[in-house]
Amino acid sequence: MKLYETLNDNEKEYDTLLVNYNKLAEEDNALKDDYAVLQIEFSDLQKELEELKKARDDLIADHDLVEILGAALVNRPSKSTKLPKGAKLSDGVDPIFDSWLIDMRHSLNSNEDHYDTPETRMAFVKRICEGKAARYLLPQMREDSLNPFVNVEDMFEHLKTIFHDVNRVVKAKNQLFTLQMKKDTHFQDFLAEFTELAQDSEINVAK
């Protein structure tokens, strides 16, 4: 009898332990599931944190770039004011070549920051030519030219051979020697013409 009771008690205790074990096993599985979910959520949070850090770094970099560009714009020297282009050279009569050449040199020197390469300087000179002058420049400005212009001085020298009056000095001397002040001529006009002819004659009027 006692043995039966003992076995019965043991069986009940076993059943109780089994029930408790199953509960613990279920709780353990539930905890494992919760842990897996937490791991996924933690991984997602880490990704979001990395994205936020990257966005912050990008904003800082953009801000620094804006400051650098702003400082550069503030400290950047302003370009020179472009001078009027002046009359275009066509046939060397109006304007005459020498006057046009003076204007070109003055424009290029005064606006050197606008025309800072040989190409831009030559392009500028080409745009200030038309008619005959433009046609005379064209052969040496084509891409397939065998003897292209290297710089604006090449262009000036080429135009000088066409438009520069080689007899300018002789003509000026002849005109100077025959120059007379007429009654209806203002002295200032006579003096200006005299000075121009004297200069072209290469005569030192100061002597």
Protein backbone atom coordinates (compact mmCIF):
# COMPACT_ATOMS: atom_id res chain seq x y z
CA MET A 1 0.00 0.00 0.00
CA LYS A 2 2.73 2.36 0.97
CA LEU A 3 4.61 1.54 -2.20
CA TYR A 4 1.54 2.30 -4.27
CA GLU A 5 1.05 5.61 -2.56
CA THR A 6 4.70 6.46 -3.06
CA LEU A 7 4.53 5.66 -6.75
CA ASN A 8 1.33 7.64 -7.06
CA ASP A 9 2.95 10.63 -5.37
CA ASN A 10 5.99 10.35 -7.60
CA GLU A 11 3.79 10.25 -10.67
CA LYS A 12 1.94 13.35 -9.57
CA GLU A 13 5.22 15.12 -8.84
CA TYR A 14 6.50 14.08 -12.24
CA ASP A 15 3.39 15.44 -13.91
CA THR A 16 3.80 18.69 -12.03
CA LEU A 17 7.44 18.93 -13.02
CA LEU A 18 6.53 18.13 -16.62
CA VAL A 19 3.92 20.86 -16.67
CA ASN A 20 6.39 23.33 -15.19
CA TYR A 21 9.03 22.27 -17.68
CA ASN A 22 6.67 22.76 -20.60
CA LYS A 23 5.75 26.20 -19.27
CA LEU A 24 9.42 27.08 -18.93
CA ALA A 25 10.10 25.76 -22.43
CA GLU A 26 7.28 27.90 -23.82
CA GLU A 27 8.54 30.93 -21.93
CA ASP A 28 12.06 30.24 -23.21
CA ASN A 29 10.79 30.06 -26.79
CA ALA A 30 8.83 33.24 -26.28
CA LEU A 31 11.94 34.96 -24.92
CA LYS A 32 13.95 33.71 -27.90
CA ASP A 33 11.34 35.12 -30.26
CA ASP A 34 11.37 38.43 -28.39
CA TYR A 35 15.18 38.46 -28.52
CA ALA A 36 15.14 37.85 -32.28
CA VAL A 37 12.67 40.70 -32.74
CA LEU A 38 14.80 42.96 -30.56
CA GLN A 39 17.88 42.06 -32.60
CA ILE A 40 16.09 43.03 -35.83
CA GLU A 41 14.85 46.29 -34.29
CA PHE A 42 18.34 47.02 -32.94
CA SER A 43 19.86 46.40 -36.37
CA ASP A 44 17.30 48.73 -37.96
CA LEU A 45 18.05 51.39 -35.35
CA GLN A 46 21.76 51.06 -36.04
CA LYS A 47 21.14 51.58 -39.76
CA GLU A 48 18.98 54.62 -39.05
CA LEU A 49 21.67 55.97 -36.72
CA GLU A 50 24.34 55.53 -39.41
CA GLU A 51 22.11 57.28 -41.94
CA LEU A 52 21.52 60.14 -39.51
CA LYS A 53 25.27 60.42 -38.88
CA LYS A 54 25.94 60.50 -42.64
CA ALA A 55 23.24 63.14 -43.13
CA ARG A 56 24.78 65.18 -40.31
CA ASP A 57 28.26 64.88 -41.83
CA ASP A 58 26.88 65.88 -45.25
CA LEU A 59 25.21 68.93 -43.72
CA ILE A 60 28.42 69.91 -41.97
CA ALA A 61 30.38 69.44 -45.20
CA ASP A 62 27.82 71.48 -47.15
CA HIS A 63 27.94 74.21 -44.53
CA ASP A 64 31.74 74.28 -44.64
CA LEU A 65 31.63 74.39 -48.44
CA VAL A 66 29.16 77.27 -48.38
CA GLU A 67 31.42 79.16 -45.99
CA ILE A 68 34.47 78.50 -48.17
CA LEU A 69 32.66 79.56 -51.34
CA GLY A 70 31.22 82.59 -49.59
CA ALA A 71 34.66 83.65 -48.41
CA ALA A 72 36.06 83.05 -51.89
CA LEU A 73 33.35 85.20 -53.45
CA VAL A 74 33.91 87.96 -50.93
CA ASN A 75 37.68 87.92 -51.37
CA ARG A 76 37.65 87.35 -55.13
CA PRO A 77 38.85 90.46 -56.94
CA SER A 78 36.25 91.85 -59.28
CA LYS A 79 37.04 91.82 -62.96
CA SER A 80 37.88 95.01 -64.74
CA THR A 81 35.13 96.95 -66.45
CA LYS A 82 35.04 96.07 -70.11
CA LEU A 83 35.89 98.99 -72.31
CA PRO A 84 33.78 99.80 -75.37
CA LYS A 85 34.97 97.75 -78.33
CA GLY A 86 35.31 100.75 -80.63
CA ALA A 87 34.93 100.86 -84.39
CA LYS A 88 35.60 97.75 -86.45
CA LEU A 89 38.49 97.63 -88.88
CA SER A 90 37.29 97.09 -92.45
CA ASP A 91 39.18 98.80 -95.26
CA GLY A 92 41.69 100.77 -93.20
CA VAL A 93 40.06 104.10 -94.08
CA ASP A 94 37.62 104.71 -91.24
CA PRO A 95 38.99 103.97 -88.79
CA ILE A 96 42.53 104.09 -90.09
CA PHE A 97 44.64 101.09 -89.16
CA ASP A 98 46.96 102.92 -86.74
CA SER A 99 44.04 104.32 -84.75
CA TRP A 100 42.31 100.94 -84.66
CA LEU A 101 45.54 99.25 -83.53
CA ILE A 102 45.92 101.68 -80.64
CA ASP A 103 42.35 100.93 -79.54
CA MET A 104 42.95 97.19 -79.75
CA ARG A 105 46.12 97.26 -77.67
CA HIS A 106 44.47 99.50 -75.10
CA SER A 107 41.40 97.25 -74.82
CA LEU A 108 43.45 94.07 -74.52
CA ASN A 109 45.80 95.53 -71.93
CA SER A 110 43.06 97.16 -69.86
CA ASN A 111 40.86 94.05 -69.91
CA GLU A 112 43.62 91.47 -69.64
CA ASP A 113 41.63 89.55 -67.02
CA HIS A 114 38.80 89.06 -69.53
CA TYR A 115 41.10 87.98 -72.36
CA ASP A 116 43.69 85.96 -70.45
CA THR A 117 44.62 83.37 -73.09
CA PRO A 118 46.02 83.73 -76.64
CA GLU A 119 42.82 82.16 -77.98
CA THR A 120 40.45 84.62 -76.30
CA ARG A 121 42.64 87.56 -77.31
CA MET A 122 42.71 86.45 -80.95
CA ALA A 123 38.96 85.83 -80.91
CA PHE A 124 38.40 89.35 -79.59
CA VAL A 125 40.52 90.91 -82.35
CA LYS A 126 38.75 88.81 -84.99
CA ARG A 127 35.36 90.09 -83.79
CA ILE A 128 36.56 93.70 -84.20
CA CYS A 129 37.29 93.11 -87.89
CA GLU A 130 34.85 93.04 -90.76
CA GLY A 131 34.85 93.26 -94.52
CA LYS A 132 38.31 93.14 -96.07
CA ALA A 133 40.11 92.94 -92.74
CA ALA A 134 38.09 89.89 -91.66
CA ARG A 135 38.70 88.17 -95.00
CA TYR A 136 42.45 88.81 -94.76
CA LEU A 137 42.55 87.14 -91.36
CA LEU A 138 40.40 84.16 -92.28
CA PRO A 139 42.99 81.93 -94.08
CA GLN A 140 45.28 81.80 -91.03
CA MET A 141 42.44 81.35 -88.54
CA ARG A 142 40.94 78.24 -90.08
CA GLU A 143 41.46 75.00 -88.16
CA ASP A 144 43.23 73.43 -91.14
CA SER A 145 45.55 76.39 -91.72
CA LEU A 146 49.16 75.42 -92.42
CA ASN A 147 50.41 78.68 -90.95
CA PRO A 148 47.94 79.68 -88.21
CA PHE A 149 48.29 82.77 -86.07
CA VAL A 150 49.96 82.08 -82.73
CA ASN A 151 48.88 85.23 -80.94
CA VAL A 152 47.41 88.68 -81.54
CA GLU A 153 50.81 90.10 -82.44
CA ASP A 154 50.87 87.77 -85.43
CA MET A 155 47.48 89.12 -86.44
CA PHE A 156 48.57 92.74 -85.99
CA GLU A 157 51.72 92.21 -88.03
CA HIS A 158 49.71 90.53 -90.79
CA LEU A 159 47.20 93.38 -90.92
CA LYS A 160 50.02 95.90 -90.78
CA THR A 161 51.48 94.56 -94.02
CA ILE A 162 48.11 95.23 -95.67
CA PHE A 163 46.84 98.45 -94.11
CA HIS A 164 49.93 100.21 -92.79
CA ASP A 165 51.01 102.96 -95.19
CA VAL A 166 54.72 102.40 -95.85
CA ASN A 167 54.90 105.87 -97.41
CA ARG A 168 53.32 107.49 -94.37
CA VAL A 169 56.46 109.39 -93.39
CA VAL A 170 57.12 110.73 -96.89
CA LYS A 171 53.49 111.75 -97.37
CA ALA A 172 53.37 113.44 -93.99
CA LYS A 173 56.54 115.41 -94.72
CA ASN A 174 55.17 116.61 -98.05
CA GLN A 175 51.90 117.64 -96.44
CA LEU A 176 53.73 119.33 -93.57
CA PHE A 177 55.91 121.40 -95.87
CA THR A 178 52.87 122.62 -97.80
CA LEU A 179 50.66 123.13 -94.76
CA GLN A 180 49.31 126.64 -94.41
CA MET A 181 46.87 128.19 -92.04
CA LYS A 182 43.91 129.55 -93.95
CA LYS A 183 41.90 132.51 -92.82
CA ASP A 184 38.82 130.47 -91.93
CA THR A 185 40.86 127.84 -90.04
CA HIS A 186 40.85 127.85 -86.26
CA PHE A 187 44.30 127.91 -84.73
CA GLN A 188 43.52 124.85 -82.59
CA ASP A 189 42.60 122.85 -85.71
CA PHE A 190 45.75 124.01 -87.51
CA LEU A 191 47.91 123.13 -84.50
CA ALA A 192 46.33 119.67 -84.21
CA GLU A 193 46.94 118.95 -87.90
CA PHE A 194 50.47 120.30 -87.69
CA THR A 195 51.26 118.16 -84.65
CA GLU A 196 49.83 115.04 -86.32
CA LEU A 197 51.84 115.57 -89.51
CA ALA A 198 54.97 116.33 -87.49
CA GLN A 199 54.54 113.11 -85.54
CA ASP A 200 53.97 111.08 -88.71
CA SER A 201 56.96 112.81 -90.31
CA GLU A 202 59.06 111.68 -87.33
CA ILE A 203 60.13 115.26 -86.80
CA ASN A 204 60.91 116.35 -83.26
CA VAL A 205 58.81 119.50 -82.94
CA ALA A 206 60.39 120.24 -79.56
CA LYS A 207 63.72 121.17 -81.17
